[in-house]
Structures are given as structure tokens and as C-alpha cells.
Protein backbone atom coordinates (compact mmCIF):
# COMPACT_ATOMS: atom_id res chain seq x y z
CA MET A 1 0.00 0.00 0.00
CA SER A 2 1.42 3.38 -1.00
CA LYS A 3 2.18 5.98 1.61
CA PHE A 4 0.59 9.38 1.26
CA LEU A 5 0.93 12.83 2.78
CA ILE A 6 -2.04 15.00 3.75
CA VAL A 7 -1.52 18.58 2.61
CA THR A 8 -3.69 21.49 3.67
CA ASP A 9 -3.40 25.24 4.22
CA SER A 10 -3.08 27.66 7.11
CA THR A 11 -6.76 28.62 7.02
CA THR A 12 -7.32 25.43 9.05
CA ASP A 13 -6.15 27.49 12.07
CA LEU A 14 -4.83 24.29 13.66
CA PRO A 15 -2.39 24.54 16.58
CA VAL A 16 1.15 23.34 15.93
CA SER A 17 0.63 20.40 18.31
CA LEU A 18 -2.08 18.86 16.10
CA ILE A 19 -0.18 19.58 12.89
CA GLU A 20 2.81 17.68 14.27
CA LYS A 21 0.71 14.91 15.82
CA HIS A 22 -0.94 14.11 12.49
CA ASN A 23 2.16 14.74 10.34
CA LEU A 24 0.39 17.32 8.19
CA LEU A 25 1.99 19.57 5.60
CA VAL A 26 0.40 23.01 6.03
CA LEU A 27 0.98 25.63 3.34
CA SER A 28 0.79 29.20 4.62
CA LEU A 29 -1.32 31.91 3.02
CA ARG A 30 -0.26 35.56 3.27
CA TYR A 31 -1.93 38.59 4.78
CA HIS A 32 -1.28 42.32 4.63
CA LEU A 33 -1.76 45.15 7.10
CA GLU A 34 -1.96 48.82 6.13
CA ILE A 35 -0.87 51.03 9.02
CA GLY A 36 -0.41 54.77 8.53
CA GLY A 37 -0.33 54.40 4.77
CA GLU A 38 2.36 51.71 4.87
CA VAL A 39 1.52 48.14 3.87
CA LYS A 40 3.33 45.32 5.64
CA ASP A 41 3.23 41.74 4.37
CA PHE A 42 3.19 38.65 6.59
CA ILE A 43 3.06 34.89 6.19
CA ASN A 44 0.37 33.12 8.22
CA TYR A 45 2.57 30.49 9.89
CA ALA A 46 0.80 28.20 12.34
CA ASP A 47 3.10 29.36 15.17
CA TYR A 48 2.58 33.05 14.32
CA ARG A 49 6.35 33.49 14.13
CA GLU A 50 6.14 36.60 11.96
CA GLN A 51 3.60 38.44 14.07
CA ASP A 52 2.08 37.65 17.46
CA ILE A 53 -1.63 36.96 17.03
CA LYS A 54 -2.58 39.31 19.87
CA GLU A 55 -0.65 42.10 18.16
CA PHE A 56 -2.48 41.37 14.91
CA TYR A 57 -5.91 41.63 16.51
CA SER A 58 -4.91 44.73 18.47
CA LEU A 59 -3.91 46.49 15.25
CA VAL A 60 -7.11 45.37 13.53
CA LYS A 61 -9.20 46.62 16.43
CA ASP A 62 -7.41 49.98 16.20
CA GLY A 63 -8.38 50.30 12.55
CA ALA A 64 -5.56 48.78 10.52
CA LYS A 65 -6.79 47.81 7.05
CA THR A 66 -6.37 44.14 6.19
CA SER A 67 -6.21 42.03 3.06
CA THR A 68 -5.15 38.49 2.22
CA SER A 69 -3.53 36.57 -0.64
CA GLN A 70 -4.40 33.06 -1.77
CA LEU A 71 -1.85 30.36 -2.41
CA ASN A 72 -0.76 30.25 -6.04
CA PRO A 73 0.09 27.18 -8.18
CA GLU A 74 3.82 27.79 -7.74
CA ASP A 75 3.42 27.54 -3.95
CA TYR A 76 2.00 24.04 -4.37
CA LEU A 77 4.60 22.96 -6.92
CA LYS A 78 7.48 24.10 -4.73
CA ALA A 79 6.06 22.45 -1.60
CA LEU A 80 4.93 19.15 -3.11
CA LYS A 81 7.74 18.19 -5.49
CA PRO A 82 10.18 17.11 -2.74
CA HIS A 83 7.60 14.74 -1.29
CA LEU A 84 6.61 13.32 -4.66
CA ASP A 85 10.30 12.80 -5.38
CA LYS A 86 10.46 10.65 -2.25
CA GLY A 87 7.71 8.41 -3.62
CA LEU A 88 4.85 9.74 -1.54
CA ASP A 89 1.34 10.20 -2.90
CA ILE A 90 -0.44 13.46 -2.01
CA LEU A 91 -3.93 14.18 -0.66
CA ILE A 92 -4.67 17.92 -0.80
CA LEU A 93 -7.52 19.11 1.45
CA SER A 94 -8.21 22.68 0.43
CA PHE A 95 -9.88 25.76 1.87
CA SER A 96 -13.43 26.25 0.49
CA SER A 97 -13.41 27.19 -3.20
CA GLU A 98 -16.28 29.59 -2.47
CA LEU A 99 -14.09 31.65 -0.14
CA SER A 100 -10.70 31.65 -1.86
CA GLY A 101 -8.93 30.96 -5.13
CA THR A 102 -6.57 28.64 -3.24
CA TYR A 103 -8.49 25.54 -4.37
CA ASN A 104 -8.18 26.57 -8.02
CA SER A 105 -4.43 27.11 -7.56
CA ALA A 106 -4.18 23.59 -6.17
CA ARG A 107 -6.17 22.29 -9.15
CA LEU A 108 -3.82 23.98 -11.63
CA ALA A 109 -0.76 22.69 -9.77
CA LYS A 110 -2.22 19.17 -9.73
CA MET A 111 -2.57 19.27 -13.53
CA ASP A 112 1.15 20.01 -13.87
CA LEU A 113 2.17 17.49 -11.23
CA ASP A 114 0.07 14.73 -12.78
CA GLU A 115 2.14 15.10 -15.95
CA MET A 116 5.45 15.36 -14.10
CA TYR A 117 4.77 12.39 -11.81
CA PRO A 118 2.59 9.92 -13.77
CA ASP A 119 3.33 7.12 -11.28
CA ARG A 120 2.18 9.09 -8.25
CA LYS A 121 -1.37 9.71 -7.01
CA ILE A 122 -2.32 13.32 -6.37
CA VAL A 123 -5.87 13.68 -5.06
CA LEU A 124 -7.51 17.07 -4.46
CA VAL A 125 -10.63 17.63 -2.35
CA ASP A 126 -12.48 20.90 -1.79
CA THR A 127 -13.33 20.72 1.91
CA LYS A 128 -15.99 23.44 1.48
CA SER A 129 -14.87 24.40 4.97
CA ALA A 130 -12.98 27.17 6.72
CA SER A 131 -10.95 27.87 9.85
CA LEU A 132 -11.15 25.20 12.54
CA GLY A 133 -14.04 23.56 10.68
CA GLU A 134 -11.57 22.81 7.93
CA GLY A 135 -9.08 21.92 10.64
CA MET A 136 -11.50 19.46 12.23
CA LEU A 137 -12.15 17.79 8.88
CA VAL A 138 -8.41 17.51 8.20
CA THR A 139 -7.70 15.94 11.61
CA LEU A 140 -10.55 13.47 11.13
CA ALA A 141 -9.04 12.56 7.76
CA ALA A 142 -5.65 12.05 9.40
CA LYS A 143 -7.23 9.68 11.92
CA GLU A 144 -8.68 7.65 9.05
CA GLN A 145 -5.23 7.59 7.43
CA ALA A 146 -3.76 6.28 10.71
CA LYS A 147 -6.23 3.37 10.55
CA GLY A 148 -4.54 2.24 7.35
CA LYS A 149 -7.11 3.61 4.90
CA THR A 150 -5.98 4.23 1.31
CA ILE A 151 -5.72 7.70 -0.19
CA GLU A 152 -8.94 7.08 -2.14
CA GLU A 153 -10.76 5.91 0.98
CA VAL A 154 -9.68 8.95 2.97
CA ALA A 155 -10.66 11.31 0.14
CA GLU A 156 -14.10 9.68 0.02
CA PHE A 157 -14.38 9.99 3.81
CA VAL A 158 -13.72 13.74 3.54
CA GLU A 159 -16.37 14.15 0.82
CA ILE A 160 -18.94 12.30 2.94
CA THR A 161 -18.04 13.99 6.23
CA SER A 162 -17.72 17.57 4.98
CA PRO A 163 -21.51 18.29 5.01
CA LYS A 164 -21.62 17.13 8.65
CA VAL A 165 -18.96 19.52 10.01
CA ALA A 166 -21.02 22.40 11.36
CA HIS A 167 -19.51 25.91 11.32
CA TRP A 168 -21.32 28.48 13.46
CA PHE A 169 -19.84 31.86 14.32
CA THR A 170 -20.55 35.40 15.40
CA VAL A 171 -18.56 38.61 15.14
CA ASP A 172 -18.22 41.46 17.58
CA ASP A 173 -17.48 44.22 15.06
CA ILE A 174 -19.85 44.03 12.13
CA ASN A 175 -17.78 46.52 10.11
CA HIS A 176 -15.49 43.77 8.85
CA LEU A 177 -18.42 41.93 7.28
CA ARG A 178 -19.52 45.21 5.68
CA ARG A 179 -16.07 45.75 4.16
CA GLY A 180 -16.12 42.22 2.81
CA GLY A 181 -19.51 42.82 1.19
CA ARG A 182 -21.36 40.41 3.49
CA ILE A 183 -23.80 43.08 4.66
CA SER A 184 -24.74 46.57 3.48
CA GLY A 185 -23.50 49.82 5.00
CA VAL A 186 -27.00 50.72 6.19
CA ALA A 187 -27.48 47.33 7.84
CA SER A 188 -24.11 47.76 9.52
CA LEU A 189 -25.08 51.13 11.00
CA VAL A 190 -28.39 49.78 12.31
CA ALA A 191 -26.73 46.70 13.77
CA ARG A 192 -24.10 48.72 15.60
CA ALA A 193 -26.70 51.12 16.99
CA LEU A 194 -28.83 48.27 18.35
CA SER A 195 -25.90 46.05 19.47
CA ILE A 196 -27.01 43.36 17.03
CA LYS A 197 -24.57 40.51 16.57
CA PRO A 198 -25.03 38.38 13.44
CA VAL A 199 -24.97 34.60 13.68
CA LEU A 200 -23.51 33.06 10.54
CA HIS A 201 -22.46 29.67 9.26
CA CYS A 202 -20.57 28.05 6.41
CA SER A 203 -23.06 26.25 4.15
CA GLU A 204 -22.64 22.80 2.61
CA GLU A 205 -21.49 24.60 -0.55
CA GLY A 206 -18.77 26.35 1.45
CA LYS A 207 -20.35 29.81 1.41
CA LEU A 208 -20.71 32.16 4.37
CA VAL A 209 -24.41 32.65 5.11
CA SER A 210 -26.09 34.90 7.68
CA LYS A 211 -28.66 32.82 9.56
CA ALA A 212 -29.83 34.87 12.54
CA LYS A 213 -29.35 37.99 14.63
CA ALA A 214 -28.88 38.28 18.38
CA ARG A 215 -29.08 41.32 20.63
CA HIS A 216 -25.81 41.68 22.54
CA ARG A 217 -22.76 39.45 22.74
CA LYS A 218 -24.05 37.15 25.49
CA ASN A 219 -27.09 36.15 23.45
CA ALA A 220 -24.95 35.58 20.35
CA ILE A 221 -22.74 33.16 22.28
CA LYS A 222 -25.81 31.30 23.50
CA ALA A 223 -27.14 31.18 19.93
CA LEU A 224 -24.03 29.30 18.79
CA PHE A 225 -24.53 26.73 21.53
CA ASP A 226 -28.25 26.42 20.73
CA LYS A 227 -27.36 25.51 17.14
CA MET A 228 -25.23 22.69 18.49
CA VAL A 229 -28.02 21.37 20.69
CA GLU A 230 -30.37 21.43 17.68
CA THR A 231 -28.15 19.56 15.23
CA ALA A 232 -25.20 17.80 16.93
CA LEU A 233 -24.70 14.12 16.31
CA GLU A 234 -24.99 11.84 19.32
CA ASN A 235 -21.79 10.56 20.92
CA GLN A 236 -19.95 13.75 20.04
CA GLU A 237 -16.28 13.23 20.88
CA GLU A 238 -14.64 16.50 19.97
CA VAL A 239 -15.63 20.15 19.63
CA PHE A 240 -13.44 22.96 18.31
CA ILE A 241 -13.87 26.57 19.43
CA GLY A 242 -12.07 29.38 17.64
CA HIS A 243 -11.74 32.97 18.81
CA GLY A 244 -10.23 36.25 17.69
CA ASP A 245 -8.37 37.31 20.84
CA ASP A 246 -11.39 36.82 23.08
CA LEU A 247 -10.49 33.85 25.27
CA GLU A 248 -13.13 34.84 27.84
CA ALA A 249 -15.93 34.39 25.30
CA ALA A 250 -14.41 31.08 24.17
CA GLU A 251 -14.31 29.82 27.76
CA THR A 252 -17.94 30.91 28.25
CA LEU A 253 -18.95 28.90 25.20
CA LYS A 254 -16.85 25.93 26.35
CA ALA A 255 -18.64 25.93 29.71
CA LEU A 256 -22.02 25.76 27.96
CA VAL A 257 -20.84 22.84 25.83
CA LEU A 258 -19.40 20.86 28.74
CA GLU A 259 -22.49 21.40 30.88
CA LYS A 260 -24.57 19.67 28.19
CA TYR A 261 -21.88 17.30 26.88
CA PRO A 262 -19.54 16.54 29.82
CA ASN A 263 -17.56 13.83 28.00
CA VAL A 264 -16.65 15.94 24.97
CA ASN A 265 -13.06 17.03 24.41
CA VAL A 266 -13.08 20.78 23.70
CA LEU A 267 -10.21 22.40 21.82
CA ILE A 268 -9.91 26.18 22.07
CA HIS A 269 -7.56 27.93 19.67
CA THR A 270 -7.12 31.34 18.11
CA ILE A 271 -8.50 32.07 14.67
CA GLY A 272 -5.53 33.05 12.54
CA PRO A 273 -4.91 36.31 10.70
CA VAL A 274 -6.08 35.19 7.25
CA ILE A 275 -9.57 34.37 8.53
CA GLY A 276 -9.34 37.12 11.16
CA ALA A 277 -8.64 39.73 8.48
CA HIS A 278 -12.21 39.23 7.27
CA THR A 279 -13.96 38.78 10.63
CA GLY A 280 -12.13 41.19 12.93
CA GLN A 281 -11.21 40.99 16.58
CA GLY A 282 -13.80 39.25 18.73
CA VAL A 283 -14.92 36.62 16.24
CA LEU A 284 -16.15 33.48 18.02
CA ALA A 285 -16.80 30.18 16.27
CA LEU A 286 -18.08 26.73 17.18
CA PHE A 287 -17.35 23.58 15.14
CA PHE A 288 -18.81 20.13 15.71
CA LEU A 289 -20.23 17.09 13.90
CA ALA A 290 -23.89 17.53 13.06
CA THR A 291 -26.76 15.89 11.18
CA ASN A 292 -26.26 18.70 8.68
CA ARG A 293 -24.43 22.00 8.53
């Protein structure tokens, strides 16, 4: 049976410990901050070696303009060739194609690599997921790999499981959604005036969709938990919680989860700068396995 490497990208927001545990190859996207008219470029490494994540969110909260760059085909070619040369097959689990051109870059790179390495298997799957939802799907895939499943079996597992990885999140500063075109300027003004916090999710197609509104932060946090109670699969083993420099809110959400599901393992981790550039400081997200997204 051929050995294969699981490759993903930094929008998984996975902690270094899980990346190392599951022997993942994580390709880093880039982000940019405009401060005082000067644009600075950074690589979104999993260990935040180029910029502390708290510093990033502090600058964003203070008004720094943000933008991000997708991976390009050359990034994939450069990263994957050494592993293909060693005789490894490659399973690429990509950030949602509805949210980034990264998937298309992987597709273009795969076309070239298929010609260059005709004896190797290179399988590409659009996870239709983002942030720790993508991260959860990738770690579940790695667990299937560890059971001895083939590259085709793990790819099929990802396709089947993707619609069951629920992504629910809320943001504290609605302005970032306005800048990204998710809501109108008028709606943003009204929401801020009334302390309305949107509740959004990532659909089965991998799109961000606004599903509800909550008055005040506390109610928005409860709304995320309520979605879990409504749709979570029984015998839930693991729940991921992501936050944008708001550990207190993450711990509040964790307490709600553990009160209802005391045997669940809850991972709390920061949402990285590529996702955070579009959600702002204070984003809070809940990821779990559900009957549907």
C-alpha cells in the first residue's frame, strides 16, 4: 500500500501540536496590514512566528486595514515536489473554493504534477470548509489515514463527512463583514446602533451565510450553543472553538458545551490572521459534527 501525505493550508487554524501529531503539511497563506499608509506583508505560519496573534488583533481593532492573498500554483509545486520525489502520494484538502482561489491554484498545480509524476497519485478535495471547521475535517481525515485507509478511501471519507462539520460563528465588530460585502452599509449602522450581533455559518457549498441575529454578545454566544443542541450528532467526541483574541468568550462557550456534553473534548484555539482579516477581533466560532451543517 502506497504511503501518502495529507496537505492542507493555514486557514485550518490548527495549533502546531495537532499539525505535528498528524504529520500534516500546512501551506501558509499571506496577509497584509496597512498602518499609517504603509503596507506590511506577513506569512500566516501556524506558530505566528512573523507576528504575534494578539498584536495582529490589536492592530485590527485599532483600525488597521487588512487584506489576504491566496496560495498560487507555484506555492504548491514548490512544496509538493520534494515529497513526490520521495515516492509519496499526495492528498490535498483545500480551503473552500467559495471563499478563496486557493483551491483553483491547487487544481492547476495538480494538472502540472500529474504530468510530471505519472506514477504518483495526487488527489484534491475541496473541503468546502474554513478555519477550525476545515481543521476538524483535516484531523478526522488524518485519523482515518492512521487506521490504514488508502488515499482514495480517505478522500471519500472527507467528501462524505464535509456536510456534517457544522460551522457556526458570530462577530463582535460588524464593520469587517460590511467591508467584505457580506452586509450593506445601512445594515451595519443599524446593527451597531442596536448592538445586534449576526450569527452566521458556512453552508454545505462552502459559502458564508447569515442565519440569525442576536441582541448583545451574550445572546450571540448562547445562539451558537443552541445551534449545536439542535443539530449535533450523538456521541460527540470532539468540539473545536475558535476565537479572535477573546479567550473569555471562548471559555464561556466551552462551559455551555461541557455542561450539556460533559464527555466531549473541547479544543480552544485562536482564529488566525487570514480568517481574522475578514472577521475582525472578537470573532467566536463553534465547530462540531452535526446531522447537517
